[in-house]
Amino acid sequence: VLALLIGVVAGLRAATAPAVVAWAAHLDLMNLASSPLSFMAFPVAVLVFTLLAIVELIGDKLPSAPSRTRPPGLIGRIVLGGLAGAAIAAAGSQSMIVGAGLGVAGAIAGAFAGRELRQRLVRALAVPDFVIACLEDAVAIGGGLLIVTRF
């Protein structure tokens, strides 16, 4: 379930999912030491994923931001959701392949549901997209942190 949910986080904000996983591994909240994903605990991985997440959080607010459901954005979400899902599974002593699959499924669902919900909330609440985008940021970051602290 956690692998699926971290995938949903990736569907909302692609780089946030591996960033929270990397931080959790680095802070020993998740044990990836005996897995092929142990690199995620290294300071350089934490730095790279954190910078990518910050750039994405800023870029998402720009009018020129591409749709998350178009191929480049969706592919990124699928790859990063799969990575984060595999890491969650590895930390829980579960199959990384199943975790990656669940992360991918969550990323796809999160991308499409997140886009639809964001558009509907903007219309229903008559607020600027920026407001709902910031709320979505909070959900992705908070949800990601909640997931990685379940170990």
N, C-alpha and C. Protein backbone atom coordinates (compact mmCIF):
# COMPACT_ATOMS: atom_id res chain seq x y z
N VAL A 1 0.83 -1.19 0.00
CA VAL A 1 0.00 0.00 0.00
C VAL A 1 0.88 1.26 0.00
N LEU A 2 1.96 1.24 0.79
CA LEU A 2 2.83 2.42 0.86
C LEU A 2 3.53 2.67 -0.47
N ALA A 3 3.88 1.60 -1.18
CA ALA A 3 4.52 1.77 -2.49
C ALA A 3 3.54 2.41 -3.48
N LEU A 4 2.29 2.01 -3.44
CA LEU A 4 1.27 2.62 -4.28
C LEU A 4 1.09 4.09 -3.92
N LEU A 5 1.04 4.38 -2.64
CA LEU A 5 0.83 5.76 -2.20
C LEU A 5 2.01 6.67 -2.54
N ILE A 6 3.25 6.17 -2.44
CA ILE A 6 4.39 7.01 -2.81
C ILE A 6 4.35 7.25 -4.31
N GLY A 7 3.79 6.31 -5.06
CA GLY A 7 3.58 6.53 -6.50
C GLY A 7 2.60 7.65 -6.74
N VAL A 8 1.54 7.71 -5.96
CA VAL A 8 0.56 8.81 -6.08
C VAL A 8 1.26 10.14 -5.83
N VAL A 9 2.14 10.18 -4.84
CA VAL A 9 2.91 11.40 -4.58
C VAL A 9 3.72 11.77 -5.83
N ALA A 10 4.34 10.79 -6.47
CA ALA A 10 5.09 11.05 -7.70
C ALA A 10 4.18 11.55 -8.81
N GLY A 11 2.94 11.08 -8.83
CA GLY A 11 1.99 11.56 -9.82
C GLY A 11 1.65 13.03 -9.62
N LEU A 12 1.67 13.47 -8.36
CA LEU A 12 1.40 14.88 -8.06
C LEU A 12 2.64 15.72 -8.32
N ARG A 13 3.77 15.30 -7.76
CA ARG A 13 5.05 16.01 -7.89
C ARG A 13 6.12 14.96 -8.06
N ALA A 14 6.55 14.75 -9.28
CA ALA A 14 7.43 13.64 -9.64
C ALA A 14 8.67 13.52 -8.75
N ALA A 15 9.38 14.60 -8.55
CA ALA A 15 10.65 14.53 -7.82
C ALA A 15 10.48 14.52 -6.31
N THR A 16 9.30 14.86 -5.83
CA THR A 16 9.07 14.86 -4.39
C THR A 16 9.15 13.45 -3.82
N ALA A 17 8.62 12.48 -4.55
CA ALA A 17 8.62 11.10 -4.05
C ALA A 17 10.04 10.58 -3.81
N PRO A 18 10.94 10.62 -4.78
CA PRO A 18 12.29 10.14 -4.48
C PRO A 18 13.04 11.05 -3.50
N ALA A 19 12.69 12.32 -3.45
CA ALA A 19 13.36 13.21 -2.50
C ALA A 19 13.03 12.82 -1.05
N VAL A 20 11.76 12.57 -0.76
CA VAL A 20 11.42 12.18 0.61
C VAL A 20 11.97 10.80 0.94
N VAL A 21 12.01 9.91 -0.04
CA VAL A 21 12.61 8.59 0.18
C VAL A 21 14.10 8.74 0.46
N ALA A 22 14.79 9.56 -0.32
CA ALA A 22 16.23 9.76 -0.11
C ALA A 22 16.51 10.35 1.27
N TRP A 23 15.72 11.34 1.66
CA TRP A 23 15.90 11.92 2.99
C TRP A 23 15.65 10.89 4.07
N ALA A 24 14.60 10.10 3.93
CA ALA A 24 14.29 9.08 4.93
C ALA A 24 15.41 8.04 5.03
N ALA A 25 15.95 7.63 3.89
CA ALA A 25 17.06 6.67 3.90
C ALA A 25 18.30 7.30 4.53
N HIS A 26 18.56 8.55 4.17
CA HIS A 26 19.73 9.25 4.70
C HIS A 26 19.64 9.43 6.22
N LEU A 27 18.44 9.66 6.73
CA LEU A 27 18.23 9.88 8.16
C LEU A 27 17.96 8.57 8.91
N ASP A 28 18.14 7.45 8.22
CA ASP A 28 17.93 6.11 8.80
C ASP A 28 16.50 5.86 9.26
N LEU A 29 15.55 6.52 8.63
CA LEU A 29 14.14 6.23 8.88
C LEU A 29 13.69 5.03 8.05
N MET A 30 14.42 4.78 6.97
CA MET A 30 14.19 3.63 6.09
C MET A 30 15.54 2.96 5.89
N ASN A 31 15.56 1.64 5.91
CA ASN A 31 16.80 0.91 5.73
C ASN A 31 16.89 0.39 4.30
N LEU A 32 17.75 1.02 3.50
CA LEU A 32 18.00 0.55 2.14
C LEU A 32 19.42 -0.01 2.01
N ALA A 33 20.11 -0.17 3.12
CA ALA A 33 21.53 -0.53 3.12
C ALA A 33 21.81 -1.83 2.37
N SER A 34 20.97 -2.82 2.47
CA SER A 34 21.25 -4.11 1.83
C SER A 34 20.55 -4.26 0.48
N SER A 35 20.07 -3.16 -0.06
CA SER A 35 19.37 -3.23 -1.35
C SER A 35 20.17 -2.53 -2.44
N PRO A 36 19.83 -2.79 -3.69
CA PRO A 36 20.50 -2.09 -4.79
C PRO A 36 20.21 -0.58 -4.80
N LEU A 37 19.26 -0.15 -3.99
CA LEU A 37 18.91 1.26 -3.92
C LEU A 37 19.57 1.97 -2.74
N SER A 38 20.59 1.37 -2.18
CA SER A 38 21.28 1.97 -1.04
C SER A 38 21.87 3.34 -1.38
N PHE A 39 22.12 3.58 -2.67
CA PHE A 39 22.67 4.88 -3.10
C PHE A 39 21.74 6.03 -2.74
N MET A 40 20.47 5.75 -2.54
CA MET A 40 19.53 6.84 -2.24
C MET A 40 19.80 7.49 -0.90
N ALA A 41 20.54 6.82 -0.02
CA ALA A 41 20.88 7.39 1.28
C ALA A 41 22.13 8.26 1.21
N PHE A 42 22.86 8.21 0.11
CA PHE A 42 24.09 8.99 -0.02
C PHE A 42 23.77 10.48 -0.09
N PRO A 43 24.59 11.31 0.50
CA PRO A 43 24.34 12.76 0.48
C PRO A 43 24.16 13.33 -0.93
N VAL A 44 24.89 12.84 -1.91
CA VAL A 44 24.76 13.37 -3.26
C VAL A 44 23.38 13.06 -3.84
N ALA A 45 22.84 11.88 -3.54
CA ALA A 45 21.49 11.53 -4.01
C ALA A 45 20.45 12.41 -3.33
N VAL A 46 20.62 12.62 -2.04
CA VAL A 46 19.70 13.49 -1.30
C VAL A 46 19.73 14.89 -1.91
N LEU A 47 20.91 15.39 -2.19
CA LEU A 47 21.06 16.73 -2.78
C LEU A 47 20.41 16.80 -4.16
N VAL A 48 20.70 15.84 -5.02
CA VAL A 48 20.16 15.85 -6.39
C VAL A 48 18.64 15.78 -6.37
N PHE A 49 18.09 14.83 -5.62
CA PHE A 49 16.63 14.69 -5.59
C PHE A 49 15.96 15.91 -4.95
N THR A 50 16.59 16.47 -3.93
CA THR A 50 16.03 17.67 -3.30
C THR A 50 16.03 18.85 -4.26
N LEU A 51 17.13 19.04 -4.97
CA LEU A 51 17.19 20.14 -5.95
C LEU A 51 16.17 19.93 -7.06
N LEU A 52 16.04 18.71 -7.54
CA LEU A 52 15.03 18.42 -8.58
C LEU A 52 13.62 18.73 -8.06
N ALA A 53 13.36 18.37 -6.82
CA ALA A 53 12.03 18.63 -6.24
C ALA A 53 11.77 20.12 -6.11
N ILE A 54 12.78 20.89 -5.69
CA ILE A 54 12.61 22.33 -5.56
C ILE A 54 12.36 22.97 -6.93
N VAL A 55 13.14 22.56 -7.92
CA VAL A 55 12.96 23.09 -9.28
C VAL A 55 11.55 22.76 -9.78
N GLU A 56 11.10 21.55 -9.51
CA GLU A 56 9.76 21.16 -9.96
C GLU A 56 8.68 21.95 -9.23
N LEU A 57 8.84 22.16 -7.94
CA LEU A 57 7.85 22.93 -7.19
C LEU A 57 7.72 24.35 -7.74
N ILE A 58 8.83 24.94 -8.13
CA ILE A 58 8.81 26.29 -8.71
C ILE A 58 8.26 26.24 -10.13
N GLY A 59 8.78 25.32 -10.93
CA GLY A 59 8.38 25.23 -12.34
C GLY A 59 6.91 24.93 -12.54
N ASP A 60 6.33 24.20 -11.62
CA ASP A 60 4.91 23.85 -11.74
C ASP A 60 4.01 25.07 -11.71
N LYS A 61 4.47 26.14 -11.10
CA LYS A 61 3.65 27.35 -10.98
C LYS A 61 3.72 28.24 -12.22
N LEU A 62 4.66 27.97 -13.10
CA LEU A 62 4.84 28.80 -14.29
C LEU A 62 3.76 28.51 -15.33
N PRO A 63 3.30 29.53 -16.03
CA PRO A 63 2.27 29.31 -17.06
C PRO A 63 2.75 28.39 -18.18
N SER A 64 4.05 28.32 -18.38
CA SER A 64 4.61 27.49 -19.45
C SER A 64 4.84 26.05 -19.02
N ALA A 65 4.45 25.69 -17.79
CA ALA A 65 4.66 24.33 -17.30
C ALA A 65 3.89 23.34 -18.17
N PRO A 66 4.57 22.28 -18.63
CA PRO A 66 3.88 21.30 -19.47
C PRO A 66 2.90 20.45 -18.64
N SER A 67 1.96 19.86 -19.31
CA SER A 67 0.98 19.01 -18.65
C SER A 67 1.66 17.77 -18.08
N ARG A 68 1.26 17.40 -16.89
CA ARG A 68 1.83 16.21 -16.26
C ARG A 68 1.36 14.92 -16.92
N THR A 69 0.32 15.01 -17.74
CA THR A 69 -0.21 13.81 -18.38
C THR A 69 0.26 13.64 -19.82
N ARG A 70 1.09 14.53 -20.29
CA ARG A 70 1.69 14.39 -21.61
C ARG A 70 2.96 13.57 -21.47
N PRO A 71 3.42 12.95 -22.56
CA PRO A 71 4.54 12.00 -22.46
C PRO A 71 5.76 12.42 -21.63
N PRO A 72 6.38 13.58 -21.82
CA PRO A 72 7.59 13.83 -21.01
C PRO A 72 7.31 13.83 -19.50
N GLY A 73 6.28 14.54 -19.09
CA GLY A 73 5.96 14.61 -17.66
C GLY A 73 5.47 13.29 -17.11
N LEU A 74 4.66 12.59 -17.88
CA LEU A 74 4.12 11.31 -17.43
C LEU A 74 5.22 10.26 -17.33
N ILE A 75 6.12 10.25 -18.29
CA ILE A 75 7.23 9.29 -18.25
C ILE A 75 8.11 9.54 -17.02
N GLY A 76 8.40 10.79 -16.75
CA GLY A 76 9.18 11.12 -15.55
C GLY A 76 8.49 10.65 -14.29
N ARG A 77 7.19 10.85 -14.21
CA ARG A 77 6.43 10.41 -13.04
C ARG A 77 6.44 8.89 -12.91
N ILE A 78 6.33 8.21 -14.04
CA ILE A 78 6.35 6.74 -14.04
C ILE A 78 7.71 6.24 -13.54
N VAL A 79 8.79 6.79 -14.07
CA VAL A 79 10.13 6.35 -13.68
C VAL A 79 10.39 6.64 -12.20
N LEU A 80 10.12 7.87 -11.77
CA LEU A 80 10.39 8.24 -10.38
C LEU A 80 9.43 7.58 -9.40
N GLY A 81 8.19 7.39 -9.82
CA GLY A 81 7.23 6.65 -8.98
C GLY A 81 7.65 5.20 -8.81
N GLY A 82 8.14 4.59 -9.90
CA GLY A 82 8.64 3.22 -9.82
C GLY A 82 9.85 3.10 -8.91
N LEU A 83 10.77 4.07 -9.03
CA LEU A 83 11.96 4.09 -8.18
C LEU A 83 11.57 4.22 -6.71
N ALA A 84 10.71 5.18 -6.41
CA ALA A 84 10.29 5.39 -5.02
C ALA A 84 9.51 4.18 -4.49
N GLY A 85 8.66 3.61 -5.31
CA GLY A 85 7.91 2.42 -4.90
C GLY A 85 8.82 1.24 -4.62
N ALA A 86 9.84 1.05 -5.47
CA ALA A 86 10.80 -0.03 -5.25
C ALA A 86 11.56 0.18 -3.94
N ALA A 87 11.93 1.43 -3.65
CA ALA A 87 12.65 1.73 -2.41
C ALA A 87 11.78 1.46 -1.19
N ILE A 88 10.52 1.86 -1.26
CA ILE A 88 9.60 1.60 -0.14
C ILE A 88 9.47 0.10 0.09
N ALA A 89 9.33 -0.65 -1.00
CA ALA A 89 9.21 -2.12 -0.88
C ALA A 89 10.49 -2.71 -0.29
N ALA A 90 11.65 -2.25 -0.78
CA ALA A 90 12.93 -2.77 -0.27
C ALA A 90 13.07 -2.49 1.23
N ALA A 91 12.69 -1.30 1.65
CA ALA A 91 12.78 -0.95 3.07
C ALA A 91 11.84 -1.80 3.92
N GLY A 92 10.77 -2.26 3.33
CA GLY A 92 9.82 -3.12 4.04
C GLY A 92 10.06 -4.60 3.81
N SER A 93 11.23 -4.95 3.27
CA SER A 93 11.59 -6.34 2.98
C SER A 93 10.59 -7.03 2.07
N GLN A 94 10.11 -6.29 1.09
CA GLN A 94 9.17 -6.82 0.11
C GLN A 94 9.81 -6.81 -1.27
N SER A 95 9.14 -7.37 -2.24
CA SER A 95 9.66 -7.44 -3.60
C SER A 95 9.80 -6.05 -4.21
N MET A 96 11.01 -5.72 -4.66
CA MET A 96 11.22 -4.42 -5.30
C MET A 96 10.47 -4.34 -6.63
N ILE A 97 10.32 -5.44 -7.31
CA ILE A 97 9.61 -5.45 -8.59
C ILE A 97 8.13 -5.12 -8.37
N VAL A 98 7.54 -5.74 -7.37
CA VAL A 98 6.14 -5.45 -7.04
C VAL A 98 6.02 -3.99 -6.58
N GLY A 99 6.96 -3.56 -5.74
CA GLY A 99 6.95 -2.17 -5.27
C GLY A 99 7.06 -1.19 -6.41
N ALA A 100 7.93 -1.49 -7.38
CA ALA A 100 8.08 -0.61 -8.54
C ALA A 100 6.78 -0.57 -9.35
N GLY A 101 6.17 -1.73 -9.54
CA GLY A 101 4.91 -1.77 -10.27
C GLY A 101 3.81 -0.98 -9.59
N LEU A 102 3.74 -1.11 -8.27
CA LEU A 102 2.75 -0.34 -7.52
C LEU A 102 3.06 1.15 -7.57
N GLY A 103 4.34 1.50 -7.51
CA GLY A 103 4.74 2.91 -7.63
C GLY A 103 4.35 3.49 -8.98
N VAL A 104 4.55 2.70 -10.03
CA VAL A 104 4.16 3.14 -11.38
C VAL A 104 2.65 3.34 -11.47
N ALA A 105 1.90 2.36 -10.96
CA ALA A 105 0.43 2.47 -11.00
C ALA A 105 -0.04 3.69 -10.22
N GLY A 106 0.55 3.92 -9.06
CA GLY A 106 0.19 5.09 -8.27
C GLY A 106 0.54 6.38 -8.97
N ALA A 107 1.69 6.41 -9.64
CA ALA A 107 2.11 7.62 -10.35
C ALA A 107 1.15 7.96 -11.48
N ILE A 108 0.73 6.96 -12.22
CA ILE A 108 -0.22 7.20 -13.31
C ILE A 108 -1.55 7.70 -12.74
N ALA A 109 -2.04 7.02 -11.73
CA ALA A 109 -3.31 7.42 -11.11
C ALA A 109 -3.18 8.83 -10.51
N GLY A 110 -2.09 9.09 -9.82
CA GLY A 110 -1.89 10.39 -9.20
C GLY A 110 -1.78 11.52 -10.21
N ALA A 111 -1.14 11.25 -11.34
CA ALA A 111 -0.98 12.27 -12.38
C ALA A 111 -2.34 12.67 -12.95
N PHE A 112 -3.14 11.69 -13.33
CA PHE A 112 -4.43 12.00 -13.96
C PHE A 112 -5.44 12.52 -12.94
N ALA A 113 -5.51 11.87 -11.77
CA ALA A 113 -6.45 12.33 -10.75
C ALA A 113 -6.05 13.70 -10.22
N GLY A 114 -4.75 13.92 -10.03
CA GLY A 114 -4.28 15.21 -9.54
C GLY A 114 -4.59 16.34 -10.50
N ARG A 115 -4.38 16.08 -11.79
CA ARG A 115 -4.69 17.11 -12.79
C ARG A 115 -6.19 17.44 -12.78
N GLU A 116 -7.01 16.41 -12.77
CA GLU A 116 -8.45 16.61 -12.80
C GLU A 116 -8.94 17.33 -11.54
N LEU A 117 -8.46 16.90 -10.39
CA LEU A 117 -8.88 17.52 -9.13
C LEU A 117 -8.42 18.98 -9.06
N ARG A 118 -7.21 19.24 -9.52
CA ARG A 118 -6.70 20.62 -9.50
C ARG A 118 -7.57 21.51 -10.38
N GLN A 119 -7.90 21.06 -11.58
CA GLN A 119 -8.73 21.85 -12.48
C GLN A 119 -10.12 22.08 -11.89
N ARG A 120 -10.69 21.06 -11.31
CA ARG A 120 -12.03 21.20 -10.73
C ARG A 120 -12.04 22.14 -9.53
N LEU A 121 -11.01 22.06 -8.69
CA LEU A 121 -10.95 22.94 -7.52
C LEU A 121 -10.76 24.40 -7.93
N VAL A 122 -9.95 24.63 -8.94
CA VAL A 122 -9.75 26.01 -9.42
C VAL A 122 -11.09 26.59 -9.87
N ARG A 123 -11.85 25.80 -10.64
CA ARG A 123 -13.15 26.27 -11.13
C ARG A 123 -14.17 26.41 -9.99
N ALA A 124 -14.26 25.39 -9.14
CA ALA A 124 -15.28 25.38 -8.09
C ALA A 124 -15.04 26.47 -7.03
N LEU A 125 -13.79 26.71 -6.70
CA LEU A 125 -13.49 27.69 -5.66
C LEU A 125 -13.22 29.08 -6.22
N ALA A 126 -13.14 29.17 -7.54
CA ALA A 126 -12.87 30.44 -8.22
C ALA A 126 -11.62 31.12 -7.65
N VAL A 127 -10.58 30.33 -7.55
CA VAL A 127 -9.29 30.85 -7.06
C VAL A 127 -8.25 30.65 -8.17
N PRO A 128 -7.16 31.42 -8.10
CA PRO A 128 -6.11 31.23 -9.10
C PRO A 128 -5.50 29.82 -9.00
N ASP A 129 -5.04 29.31 -10.11
CA ASP A 129 -4.40 28.00 -10.16
C ASP A 129 -3.25 27.92 -9.17
N PHE A 130 -2.54 29.02 -8.98
CA PHE A 130 -1.39 29.07 -8.07
C PHE A 130 -1.77 28.61 -6.66
N VAL A 131 -2.95 28.99 -6.20
CA VAL A 131 -3.40 28.65 -4.85
C VAL A 131 -3.57 27.13 -4.72
N ILE A 132 -4.23 26.55 -5.69
CA ILE A 132 -4.45 25.10 -5.65
C ILE A 132 -3.14 24.36 -5.88
N ALA A 133 -2.26 24.90 -6.70
CA ALA A 133 -0.95 24.28 -6.92
C ALA A 133 -0.15 24.23 -5.62
N CYS A 134 -0.22 25.29 -4.84
CA CYS A 134 0.48 25.31 -3.54
C CYS A 134 -0.14 24.30 -2.57
N LEU A 135 -1.46 24.18 -2.61
CA LEU A 135 -2.13 23.18 -1.79
C LEU A 135 -1.70 21.77 -2.21
N GLU A 136 -1.59 21.57 -3.52
CA GLU A 136 -1.14 20.28 -4.04
C GLU A 136 0.30 19.99 -3.60
N ASP A 137 1.15 21.01 -3.58
CA ASP A 137 2.52 20.86 -3.07
C ASP A 137 2.49 20.34 -1.63
N ALA A 138 1.67 20.97 -0.82
CA ALA A 138 1.58 20.59 0.60
C ALA A 138 1.11 19.15 0.76
N VAL A 139 0.14 18.75 -0.06
CA VAL A 139 -0.36 17.37 0.00
C VAL A 139 0.75 16.39 -0.41
N ALA A 140 1.47 16.71 -1.47
CA ALA A 140 2.53 15.82 -1.94
C ALA A 140 3.66 15.71 -0.91
N ILE A 141 4.11 16.83 -0.39
CA ILE A 141 5.21 16.81 0.58
C ILE A 141 4.76 16.16 1.89
N GLY A 142 3.62 16.60 2.40
CA GLY A 142 3.10 16.02 3.64
C GLY A 142 2.80 14.54 3.51
N GLY A 143 2.17 14.17 2.42
CA GLY A 143 1.86 12.76 2.18
C GLY A 143 3.13 11.92 2.05
N GLY A 144 4.11 12.44 1.33
CA GLY A 144 5.36 11.73 1.18
C GLY A 144 6.06 11.52 2.52
N LEU A 145 6.09 12.57 3.33
CA LEU A 145 6.73 12.47 4.65
C LEU A 145 5.97 11.47 5.55
N LEU A 146 4.67 11.50 5.47
CA LEU A 146 3.87 10.56 6.26
C LEU A 146 4.18 9.12 5.85
N ILE A 147 4.28 8.89 4.56
CA ILE A 147 4.55 7.53 4.05
C ILE A 147 5.91 7.03 4.51
N VAL A 148 6.95 7.83 4.36
CA VAL A 148 8.31 7.35 4.68
C VAL A 148 8.57 7.24 6.18
N THR A 149 7.70 7.78 6.99
CA THR A 149 7.89 7.66 8.43
C THR A 149 7.10 6.49 9.01
N ARG A 150 6.55 5.64 8.17
CA ARG A 150 5.78 4.49 8.63
C ARG A 150 6.66 3.27 8.89
N PHE A 151 7.97 3.40 8.84
CA PHE A 151 8.87 2.25 9.01
C PHE A 151 9.41 2.18 10.41
